[in-house]
C-alpha atoms as a PDB file:
ATOM      1  CA  UNK A   1      96.213 116.546 144.882  1.00  0.00           C
ATOM      2  CA  UNK A   2      93.608 116.894 142.827  1.00  0.00           C
ATOM      3  CA  UNK A   3      94.914 120.463 141.363  1.00  0.00           C
ATOM      4  CA  UNK A   4      97.643 118.400 140.587  1.00  0.00           C
ATOM      5  CA  UNK A   5      96.510 116.347 138.382  1.00  0.00           C
ATOM      6  CA  UNK A   6      96.581 118.408 135.194  1.00  0.00           C
ATOM      7  CA  UNK A   7     100.006 118.801 135.130  1.00  0.00           C
ATOM      8  CA  UNK A   8     100.616 115.615 136.035  1.00  0.00           C
ATOM      9  CA  UNK A   9      97.792 114.100 132.733  1.00  0.00           C
ATOM     10  CA  UNK A  10      99.969 116.927 130.682  1.00  0.00           C
ATOM     11  CA  UNK A  11     103.480 115.678 131.400  1.00  0.00           C
ATOM     12  CA  UNK A  12     102.708 111.789 131.055  1.00  0.00           C
ATOM     13  CA  UNK A  13     101.104 112.627 127.405  1.00  0.00           C
ATOM     14  CA  UNK A  14     104.212 114.996 127.129  1.00  0.00           C
ATOM     15  CA  UNK A  15     101.421 117.765 125.688  1.00  0.00           C
ATOM     16  CA  UNK A  16     104.354 119.114 124.029  1.00  0.00           C
ATOM     17  CA  UNK A  17     104.968 116.564 121.181  1.00  0.00           C
ATOM     18  CA  UNK A  18     101.671 117.476 119.830  1.00  0.00           C
ATOM     19  CA  UNK A  19     103.482 120.125 117.019  1.00  0.00           C
ATOM     20  CA  UNK A  20     105.449 116.381 115.952  1.00  0.00           C
ATOM     21  CA  UNK A  21     101.581 116.243 113.965  1.00  0.00           C
ATOM     22  CA  UNK A  22      98.966 118.094 114.622  1.00  0.00           C
ATOM     23  CA  UNK A  23     100.930 120.584 111.889  1.00  0.00           C
ATOM     24  CA  UNK A  24     101.304 117.315 109.287  1.00  0.00           C
ATOM     25  CA  UNK A  25      97.063 117.233 109.626  1.00  0.00           C
ATOM     26  CA  UNK A  26      96.853 120.599 108.535  1.00  0.00           C
ATOM     27  CA  UNK A  27      98.750 120.337 105.972  1.00  0.00           C
ATOM     28  CA  UNK A  28      97.131 117.414 104.653  1.00  0.00           C
ATOM     29  CA  UNK A  29      92.986 119.679 105.355  1.00  0.00           C
ATOM     30  CA  UNK A  30      95.122 122.082 103.101  1.00  0.00           C
ATOM     31  CA  UNK A  31      95.718 120.098 100.553  1.00  0.00           C
ATOM     32  CA  UNK A  32      93.174 118.225 100.543  1.00  0.00           C
ATOM     33  CA  UNK A  33      91.172 120.927  99.525  1.00  0.00           C
ATOM     34  CA  UNK A  34      93.168 123.561  97.842  1.00  0.00           C
ATOM     35  CA  UNK A  35      92.057 126.327  99.965  1.00  0.00           C
ATOM     36  CA  UNK A  36      91.401 126.856 103.592  1.00  0.00           C
ATOM     37  CA  UNK A  37      88.810 124.641 105.438  1.00  0.00           C
ATOM     38  CA  UNK A  38      85.941 125.565 107.381  1.00  0.00           C
ATOM     39  CA  UNK A  39      86.420 126.211 110.612  1.00  0.00           C
ATOM     40  CA  UNK A  40      83.997 123.481 111.730  1.00  0.00           C
ATOM     41  CA  UNK A  41      86.362 121.040 109.763  1.00  0.00           C
ATOM     42  CA  UNK A  42      89.856 123.034 111.572  1.00  0.00           C
ATOM     43  CA  UNK A  43      87.799 122.603 115.332  1.00  0.00           C
ATOM     44  CA  UNK A  44      87.150 118.754 114.737  1.00  0.00           C
ATOM     45  CA  UNK A  45      90.045 117.646 113.321  1.00  0.00           C
ATOM     46  CA  UNK A  46      92.649 119.381 115.615  1.00  0.00           C
ATOM     47  CA  UNK A  47      90.216 117.856 118.485  1.00  0.00           C
ATOM     48  CA  UNK A  48      90.300 114.621 116.979  1.00  0.00           C
ATOM     49  CA  UNK A  49      94.205 115.033 117.151  1.00  0.00           C
ATOM     50  CA  UNK A  50      94.302 115.521 119.826  1.00  0.00           C
ATOM     51  CA  UNK A  51      91.678 113.015 121.618  1.00  0.00           C
ATOM     52  CA  UNK A  52      94.120 110.919 119.708  1.00  0.00           C
ATOM     53  CA  UNK A  53      97.001 111.348 120.619  1.00  0.00           C
ATOM     54  CA  UNK A  54      96.586 111.733 124.250  1.00  0.00           C
ATOM     55  CA  UNK A  55      95.020 107.782 123.565  1.00  0.00           C
ATOM     56  CA  UNK A  56      98.198 106.516 121.766  1.00  0.00           C
ATOM     57  CA  UNK A  57     100.636 108.047 124.282  1.00  0.00           C
ATOM     58  CA  UNK A  58      98.758 106.963 127.468  1.00  0.00           C
ATOM     59  CA  UNK A  59      97.995 103.367 125.683  1.00  0.00           C
ATOM     60  CA  UNK A  60     102.081 103.677 125.241  1.00  0.00           C
ATOM     61  CA  UNK A  61     102.507 104.479 128.791  1.00  0.00           C
ATOM     62  CA  UNK A  62     100.087 101.853 130.572  1.00  0.00           C
ATOM     63  CA  UNK A  63     101.680  99.327 128.228  1.00  0.00           C
ATOM     64  CA  UNK A  64     105.168  99.890 129.067  1.00  0.00           C
ATOM     65  CA  UNK A  65     105.037 100.473 132.330  1.00  0.00           C
ATOM     66  CA  UNK A  66     106.871  97.771 133.751  1.00  0.00           C
ATOM     67  CA  UNK A  67     109.625  98.804 131.452  1.00  0.00           C
ATOM     68  CA  UNK A  68     109.656 102.277 131.876  1.00  0.00           C
ATOM     69  CA  UNK A  69     110.077 101.573 136.401  1.00  0.00           C
ATOM     70  CA  UNK A  70     113.909  99.531 134.940  1.00  0.00           C
ATOM     71  CA  UNK A  71     114.714 102.594 133.418  1.00  0.00           C
ATOM     72  CA  UNK A  72     116.462 105.384 135.359  1.00  0.00           C
ATOM     73  CA  UNK A  73     115.855 107.725 132.620  1.00  0.00           C
ATOM     74  CA  UNK A  74     112.437 106.849 132.246  1.00  0.00           C
ATOM     75  CA  UNK A  75     111.562 105.543 135.979  1.00  0.00           C
ATOM     76  CA  UNK A  76     109.987 108.566 137.278  1.00  0.00           C
ATOM     77  CA  UNK A  77     107.641 109.190 135.078  1.00  0.00           C
ATOM     78  CA  UNK A  78     104.132 109.588 136.417  1.00  0.00           C
ATOM     79  CA  UNK A  79     103.581 106.086 136.352  1.00  0.00           C
ATOM     80  CA  UNK A  80     106.363 103.799 137.370  1.00  0.00           C
ATOM     81  CA  UNK A  81     106.951 106.759 139.601  1.00  0.00           C
ATOM     82  CA  UNK A  82     103.662 106.968 141.225  1.00  0.00           C
ATOM     83  CA  UNK A  83     102.617 110.064 140.559  1.00  0.00           C
ATOM     84  CA  UNK A  84      99.633 109.004 138.665  1.00  0.00           C
ATOM     85  CA  UNK A  85      97.711 105.648 139.365  1.00  0.00           C
ATOM     86  CA  UNK A  86      96.878 102.598 136.993  1.00  0.00           C
ATOM     87  CA  UNK A  87      93.179 103.422 137.340  1.00  0.00           C
ATOM     88  CA  UNK A  88      93.773 107.139 137.078  1.00  0.00           C
ATOM     89  CA  UNK A  89      95.492 106.538 134.117  1.00  0.00           C
ATOM     90  CA  UNK A  90      92.630 103.650 132.526  1.00  0.00           C
ATOM     91  CA  UNK A  91      89.838 106.558 132.555  1.00  0.00           C
ATOM     92  CA  UNK A  92      92.193 109.060 131.389  1.00  0.00           C
ATOM     93  CA  UNK A  93      92.147 106.609 128.403  1.00  0.00           C
ATOM     94  CA  UNK A  94      88.503 106.751 127.737  1.00  0.00           C
ATOM     95  CA  UNK A  95      88.537 109.466 127.772  1.00  0.00           C
ATOM     96  CA  UNK A  96      91.055 110.579 125.782  1.00  0.00           C
ATOM     97  CA  UNK A  97      88.916 107.584 123.560  1.00  0.00           C
ATOM     98  CA  UNK A  98      85.762 109.620 123.726  1.00  0.00           C
ATOM     99  CA  UNK A  99      87.261 112.621 122.492  1.00  0.00           C
ATOM    100  CA  UNK A 100      88.100 110.783 119.370  1.00  0.00           C
ATOM    101  CA  UNK A 101      85.237 109.544 118.541  1.00  0.00           C
ATOM    102  CA  UNK A 102      82.557 112.661 119.327  1.00  0.00           C
ATOM    103  CA  UNK A 103      85.175 114.719 117.104  1.00  0.00           C
ATOM    104  CA  UNK A 104      84.843 111.026 114.062  1.00  0.00           C
ATOM    105  CA  UNK A 105      81.622 111.643 114.197  1.00  0.00           C
ATOM    106  CA  UNK A 106      81.310 115.401 113.145  1.00  0.00           C
ATOM    107  CA  UNK A 107      83.575 115.197 109.792  1.00  0.00           C
ATOM    108  CA  UNK A 108      82.924 113.019 106.716  1.00  0.00           C
ATOM    109  CA  UNK A 109      80.768 109.412 106.915  1.00  0.00           C
ATOM    110  CA  UNK A 110      83.818 107.484 105.714  1.00  0.00           C
ATOM    111  CA  UNK A 111      86.081 108.686 109.108  1.00  0.00           C
ATOM    112  CA  UNK A 112      82.823 106.662 111.105  1.00  0.00           C
ATOM    113  CA  UNK A 113      83.969 103.606 109.956  1.00  0.00           C
ATOM    114  CA  UNK A 114      88.132 103.733 109.312  1.00  0.00           C
ATOM    115  CA  UNK A 115      88.874 105.360 113.130  1.00  0.00           C
ATOM    116  CA  UNK A 116      89.454 101.622 114.441  1.00  0.00           C
ATOM    117  CA  UNK A 117      92.315 101.898 112.310  1.00  0.00           C
ATOM    118  CA  UNK A 118      94.541 104.215 114.352  1.00  0.00           C
ATOM    119  CA  UNK A 119      93.480 102.679 118.004  1.00  0.00           C
ATOM    120  CA  UNK A 120      94.797  99.471 116.760  1.00  0.00           C
ATOM    121  CA  UNK A 121      97.791 100.798 115.914  1.00  0.00           C
ATOM    122  CA  UNK A 122      98.532 102.521 119.157  1.00  0.00           C
ATOM    123  CA  UNK A 123      98.171  99.590 121.643  1.00  0.00           C
ATOM    124  CA  UNK A 124     100.185  97.699 119.269  1.00  0.00           C
ATOM    125  CA  UNK A 125     102.878  99.951 118.594  1.00  0.00           C
ATOM    126  CA  UNK A 126     104.832  99.538 122.396  1.00  0.00           C
ATOM    127  CA  UNK A 127     104.484  95.991 121.721  1.00  0.00           C
ATOM    128  CA  UNK A 128     106.795  95.664 119.495  1.00  0.00           C
ATOM    129  CA  UNK A 129     109.839  96.928 120.173  1.00  0.00           C
ATOM    130  CA  UNK A 130     109.675  93.744 121.791  1.00  0.00           C
ATOM    131  CA  UNK A 131     110.049  91.874 118.715  1.00  0.00           C
ATOM    132  CA  UNK A 132     111.478  93.695 116.160  1.00  0.00           C
ATOM    133  CA  UNK A 133     113.966  96.556 115.652  1.00  0.00           C
ATOM    134  CA  UNK A 134     111.416  97.798 112.754  1.00  0.00           C
ATOM    135  CA  UNK A 135     109.200  98.755 115.294  1.00  0.00           C
ATOM    136  CA  UNK A 136     110.381 102.603 115.097  1.00  0.00           C
ATOM    137  CA  UNK A 137     108.856 102.253 111.288  1.00  0.00           C
ATOM    138  CA  UNK A 138     105.233 101.521 112.781  1.00  0.00           C
ATOM    139  CA  UNK A 139     105.059 104.349 114.435  1.00  0.00           C
ATOM    140  CA  UNK A 140     105.344 106.352 112.079  1.00  0.00           C
ATOM    141  CA  UNK A 141     103.342 104.600 109.961  1.00  0.00           C
ATOM    142  CA  UNK A 142     100.337 105.541 112.865  1.00  0.00           C
ATOM    143  CA  UNK A 143     101.806 109.050 113.003  1.00  0.00           C
ATOM    144  CA  UNK A 144     101.102 109.091 108.684  1.00  0.00           C
ATOM    145  CA  UNK A 145      97.606 108.519 109.837  1.00  0.00           C
ATOM    146  CA  UNK A 146      97.806 112.057 110.780  1.00  0.00           C
ATOM    147  CA  UNK A 147      97.328 113.603 106.919  1.00  0.00           C
ATOM    148  CA  UNK A 148      95.619 110.891 105.934  1.00  0.00           C
ATOM    149  CA  UNK A 149      92.599 111.155 108.097  1.00  0.00           C
ATOM    150  CA  UNK A 150      92.318 114.732 107.710  1.00  0.00           C
ATOM    151  CA  UNK A 151      92.036 115.126 103.939  1.00  0.00           C
ATOM    152  CA  UNK A 152      89.214 112.111 104.235  1.00  0.00           C
ATOM    153  CA  UNK A 153      87.486 113.453 106.908  1.00  0.00           C
ATOM    154  CA  UNK A 154      87.208 116.799 104.939  1.00  0.00           C
ATOM    155  CA  UNK A 155      86.776 114.961 101.031  1.00  0.00           C
ATOM    156  CA  UNK A 156      85.432 111.677 102.746  1.00  0.00           C
ATOM    157  CA  UNK A 157      88.300 110.403  99.289  1.00  0.00           C
ATOM    158  CA  UNK A 158      91.728 109.102  99.538  1.00  0.00           C
ATOM    159  CA  UNK A 159      93.007 109.868  96.006  1.00  0.00           C
ATOM    160  CA  UNK A 160      97.166 108.598  95.707  1.00  0.00           C
ATOM    161  CA  UNK A 161      98.600 112.241  97.085  1.00  0.00           C
ATOM    162  CA  UNK A 162      97.142 111.418 100.527  1.00  0.00           C
ATOM    163  CA  UNK A 163      99.128 107.508 100.623  1.00  0.00           C
ATOM    164  CA  UNK A 164     102.190 109.615  99.690  1.00  0.00           C
ATOM    165  CA  UNK A 165     101.914 112.632 102.024  1.00  0.00           C
ATOM    166  CA  UNK A 166     101.250 109.941 105.328  1.00  0.00           C
ATOM    167  CA  UNK A 167     103.548 108.307 103.612  1.00  0.00           C
ATOM    168  CA  UNK A 168     106.666 111.430 103.516  1.00  0.00           C
ATOM    169  CA  UNK A 169     105.032 111.702 107.993  1.00  0.00           C
ATOM    170  CA  UNK A 170     105.471 107.969 108.097  1.00  0.00           C
ATOM    171  CA  UNK A 171     109.441 107.945 106.767  1.00  0.00           C
ATOM    172  CA  UNK A 172     110.576 111.564 108.632  1.00  0.00           C
ATOM    173  CA  UNK A 173     109.106 110.232 112.260  1.00  0.00           C
ATOM    174  CA  UNK A 174     111.221 106.965 111.843  1.00  0.00           C
ATOM    175  CA  UNK A 175     114.439 109.152 110.766  1.00  0.00           C
ATOM    176  CA  UNK A 176     113.619 111.259 114.072  1.00  0.00           C
ATOM    177  CA  UNK A 177     112.532 107.693 116.632  1.00  0.00           C
ATOM    178  CA  UNK A 178     116.076 105.966 114.992  1.00  0.00           C
ATOM    179  CA  UNK A 179     117.879 109.477 116.617  1.00  0.00           C
ATOM    180  CA  UNK A 180     115.734 108.133 119.747  1.00  0.00           C
ATOM    181  CA  UNK A 181     116.430 104.872 120.238  1.00  0.00           C
ATOM    182  CA  UNK A 182     119.932 105.970 120.976  1.00  0.00           C
ATOM    183  CA  UNK A 183     118.942 107.057 124.738  1.00  0.00           C
ATOM    184  CA  UNK A 184     117.954 103.723 125.408  1.00  0.00           C
ATOM    185  CA  UNK A 185     120.407 101.157 123.573  1.00  0.00           C
ATOM    186  CA  UNK A 186     122.649  99.675 126.464  1.00  0.00           C
ATOM    187  CA  UNK A 187     118.880  99.202 128.851  1.00  0.00           C
ATOM    188  CA  UNK A 188     117.062  98.022 126.247  1.00  0.00           C
ATOM    189  CA  UNK A 189     120.459  96.030 124.781  1.00  0.00           C
ATOM    190  CA  UNK A 190     120.026  94.447 128.681  1.00  0.00           C
ATOM    191  CA  UNK A 191     115.744  94.237 128.629  1.00  0.00           C
ATOM    192  CA  UNK A 192     116.217  92.480 125.315  1.00  0.00           C
ATOM    193  CA  UNK A 193     113.899  95.488 123.733  1.00  0.00           C
ATOM    194  CA  UNK A 194     114.234  95.418 120.163  1.00  0.00           C
ATOM    195  CA  UNK A 195     115.435  98.645 117.587  1.00  0.00           C
ATOM    196  CA  UNK A 196     117.875  99.963 114.681  1.00  0.00           C
ATOM    197  CA  UNK A 197     119.951 100.829 117.936  1.00  0.00           C
ATOM    198  CA  UNK A 198     120.146  97.419 118.741  1.00  0.00           C
ATOM    199  CA  UNK A 199     119.897  96.095 115.820  1.00  0.00           C
ATOM    200  CA  UNK A 200     122.421  97.343 114.301  1.00  0.00           C
ATOM    201  CA  UNK A 201     124.312  99.714 116.273  1.00  0.00           C
ATOM    202  CA  UNK A 202     125.004 103.376 116.654  1.00  0.00           C
ATOM    203  CA  UNK A 203     126.252 103.770 112.826  1.00  0.00           C
ATOM    204  CA  UNK A 204     122.708 101.834 111.332  1.00  0.00           C
ATOM    205  CA  UNK A 205     120.820 104.188 113.568  1.00  0.00           C
ATOM    206  CA  UNK A 206     122.313 106.905 111.472  1.00  0.00           C
ATOM    207  CA  UNK A 207     121.640 105.028 108.099  1.00  0.00           C
ATOM    208  CA  UNK A 208     117.834 104.256 108.549  1.00  0.00           C
ATOM    209  CA  UNK A 209     117.127 107.699 109.778  1.00  0.00           C
ATOM    210  CA  UNK A 210     119.033 109.272 107.410  1.00  0.00           C
ATOM    211  CA  UNK A 211     117.804 106.927 104.701  1.00  0.00           C
ATOM    212  CA  UNK A 212     114.135 107.450 105.651  1.00  0.00           C
ATOM    213  CA  UNK A 213     114.340 111.959 106.185  1.00  0.00           C
ATOM    214  CA  UNK A 214     116.259 111.738 102.312  1.00  0.00           C
ATOM    215  CA  UNK A 215     112.143 109.296 102.024  1.00  0.00           C
ATOM    216  CA  UNK A 216     110.125 112.142 103.010  1.00  0.00           C
ATOM    217  CA  UNK A 217     111.585 114.071 101.189  1.00  0.00           C
ATOM    218  CA  UNK A 218     111.493 112.373  98.258  1.00  0.00           C
ATOM    219  CA  UNK A 219     107.676 111.867  99.201  1.00  0.00           C
ATOM    220  CA  UNK A 220     106.595 115.696  99.216  1.00  0.00           C
ATOM    221  CA  UNK A 221     108.059 116.151  95.882  1.00  0.00           C
ATOM    222  CA  UNK A 222     105.908 113.695  94.722  1.00  0.00           C
ATOM    223  CA  UNK A 223     103.025 115.282  96.620  1.00  0.00           C
ATOM    224  CA  UNK A 224     104.267 118.297  95.149  1.00  0.00           C
ATOM    225  CA  UNK A 225     103.678 117.247  91.766  1.00  0.00           C
ATOM    226  CA  UNK A 226     100.424 115.766  91.889  1.00  0.00           C
ATOM    227  CA  UNK A 227      98.492 118.453  92.991  1.00  0.00           C
ATOM    228  CA  UNK A 228      98.249 122.273  92.411  1.00  0.00           C
ATOM    229  CA  UNK A 229     100.399 123.940  94.358  1.00  0.00           C
ATOM    230  CA  UNK A 230     102.099 127.179  93.967  1.00  0.00           C
ATOM    231  CA  UNK A 231     105.865 128.510  94.996  1.00  0.00           C
ATOM    232  CA  UNK A 232     105.364 128.537  99.014  1.00  0.00           C
ATOM    233  CA  UNK A 233     104.812 124.904  99.246  1.00  0.00           C
ATOM    234  CA  UNK A 234     108.290 124.425  96.913  1.00  0.00           C
ATOM    235  CA  UNK A 235     109.847 127.076  98.820  1.00  0.00           C
ATOM    236  CA  UNK A 236     108.475 124.967 102.521  1.00  0.00           C
ATOM    237  CA  UNK A 237     109.925 121.800 100.974  1.00  0.00           C
ATOM    238  CA  UNK A 238     113.425 122.624 100.538  1.00  0.00           C
ATOM    239  CA  UNK A 239     113.027 124.524 104.119  1.00  0.00           C
ATOM    240  CA  UNK A 240     112.347 120.520 105.228  1.00  0.00           C
ATOM    241  CA  UNK A 241     115.263 119.211 103.175  1.00  0.00           C
ATOM    242  CA  UNK A 242     117.678 121.977 104.891  1.00  0.00           C
ATOM    243  CA  UNK A 243     116.131 121.435 108.197  1.00  0.00           C
ATOM    244  CA  UNK A 244     116.114 117.631 107.793  1.00  0.00           C
ATOM    245  CA  UNK A 245     119.991 117.946 106.659  1.00  0.00           C
ATOM    246  CA  UNK A 246     120.632 120.429 109.671  1.00  0.00           C
ATOM    247  CA  UNK A 247     119.749 118.252 111.537  1.00  0.00           C
ATOM    248  CA  UNK A 248     121.343 115.249 110.444  1.00  0.00           C
ATOM    249  CA  UNK A 249     124.949 117.237 110.630  1.00  0.00           C
ATOM    250  CA  UNK A 250     123.587 117.912 115.143  1.00  0.00           C
ATOM    251  CA  UNK A 251     125.518 114.390 115.112  1.00  0.00           C
ATOM    252  CA  UNK A 252     127.559 111.585 113.752  1.00  0.00           C
ATOM    253  CA  UNK A 253     128.009 107.929 114.701  1.00  0.00           C
ATOM    254  CA  UNK A 254     130.647 109.247 118.280  1.00  0.00           C
ATOM    255  CA  UNK A 255     129.560 111.905 118.810  1.00  0.00           C
ATOM    256  CA  UNK A 256     126.099 112.226 120.473  1.00  0.00           C
ATOM    257  CA  UNK A 257     126.397 115.614 122.446  1.00  0.00           C
ATOM    258  CA  UNK A 258     123.819 117.286 121.087  1.00  0.00           C
ATOM    259  CA  UNK A 259     120.971 114.735 119.639  1.00  0.00           C
ATOM    260  CA  UNK A 260     118.984 115.933 121.982  1.00  0.00           C
ATOM    261  CA  UNK A 261     118.952 119.080 120.261  1.00  0.00           C
ATOM    262  CA  UNK A 262     117.633 116.878 116.639  1.00  0.00           C
ATOM    263  CA  UNK A 263     115.576 115.632 117.870  1.00  0.00           C
ATOM    264  CA  UNK A 264     112.887 117.867 119.921  1.00  0.00           C
ATOM    265  CA  UNK A 265     113.706 120.870 118.780  1.00  0.00           C
ATOM    266  CA  UNK A 266     114.551 120.500 115.159  1.00  0.00           C
ATOM    267  CA  UNK A 267     111.421 118.380 114.596  1.00  0.00           C
ATOM    268  CA  UNK A 268     109.078 120.439 116.133  1.00  0.00           C
ATOM    269  CA  UNK A 269     110.498 123.120 113.713  1.00  0.00           C
ATOM    270  CA  UNK A 270     109.970 121.515 110.517  1.00  0.00           C
ATOM    271  CA  UNK A 271     106.851 120.404 111.032  1.00  0.00           C
ATOM    272  CA  UNK A 272     105.420 124.109 111.724  1.00  0.00           C
ATOM    273  CA  UNK A 273     107.161 125.450 108.752  1.00  0.00           C
ATOM    274  CA  UNK A 274     106.490 123.069 106.740  1.00  0.00           C
ATOM    275  CA  UNK A 275     102.858 123.759 107.649  1.00  0.00           C
ATOM    276  CA  UNK A 276     103.538 127.465 107.502  1.00  0.00           C
ATOM    277  CA  UNK A 277     104.973 127.421 103.861  1.00  0.00           C
ATOM    278  CA  UNK A 278     101.525 125.880 102.781  1.00  0.00           C
ATOM    279  CA  UNK A 279      98.923 127.579 104.705  1.00  0.00           C
ATOM    280  CA  UNK A 280      99.973 130.677 102.632  1.00  0.00           C
ATOM    281  CA  UNK A 281     101.116 128.835  99.900  1.00  0.00           C
ATOM    282  CA  UNK A 282      96.990 129.220 100.240  1.00  0.00           C
ATOM    283  CA  UNK A 283      95.939 132.157 102.134  1.00  0.00           C
ATOM    284  CA  UNK A 284      98.350 134.814  99.739  1.00  0.00           C
END
């Protein structure tokens, strides 16, 4: 039983989805200093991200355990299926918060009093789907704190470029979360939950995703114009635009058969590719 816990906690927080936010945190770090950050900063930013993301996902699962139990797609998750207990997940949340705070205190002083902001965002997000279809954009804003946090963690400053980079991530996440909502649109309606799909239908979810992803590219362009970046940064922006266009070609309102491919693999590729181009822009 105990030997199975690490794998169950990894599934609980979908550790493989770290590929979404962590590369953009690194982008924020590399853009902040215009060179390779120190190993100290990269290590503690990584640990802060692991702690924060684990806390966010575990809180989401705790708050939504009843919702997940009533949804056939999610009823097999670790909490509703009994693979993990409420007490175990609460203890996991406490450990994740502790890791986050220890990491934060190794970074720039301003982060020492900014840390409650993302934690509050983690708690609020699961409740928003009970109230408003704008929950996707709240989720995006919370994930958009990743590059902003990495930026201030190194420089102790928050210039406008950091906020625009955060906005790029926020729109990117909100856009693919509009797609994700389509997996549960009928169940959400039956449970009285809100999403862009339940409010505006399948076509509205596609429009929301497209507008959000156009805004992502616009924000990345604005960041590049505001900083002394090289050619590889712009190639990275072009790659993001091309990959987003391909992602949107994988589905349309009348055909959702390839929607799964649009959600996880493509968005993981987008974050890693852009981070890689930014790293190469600095190091070559």
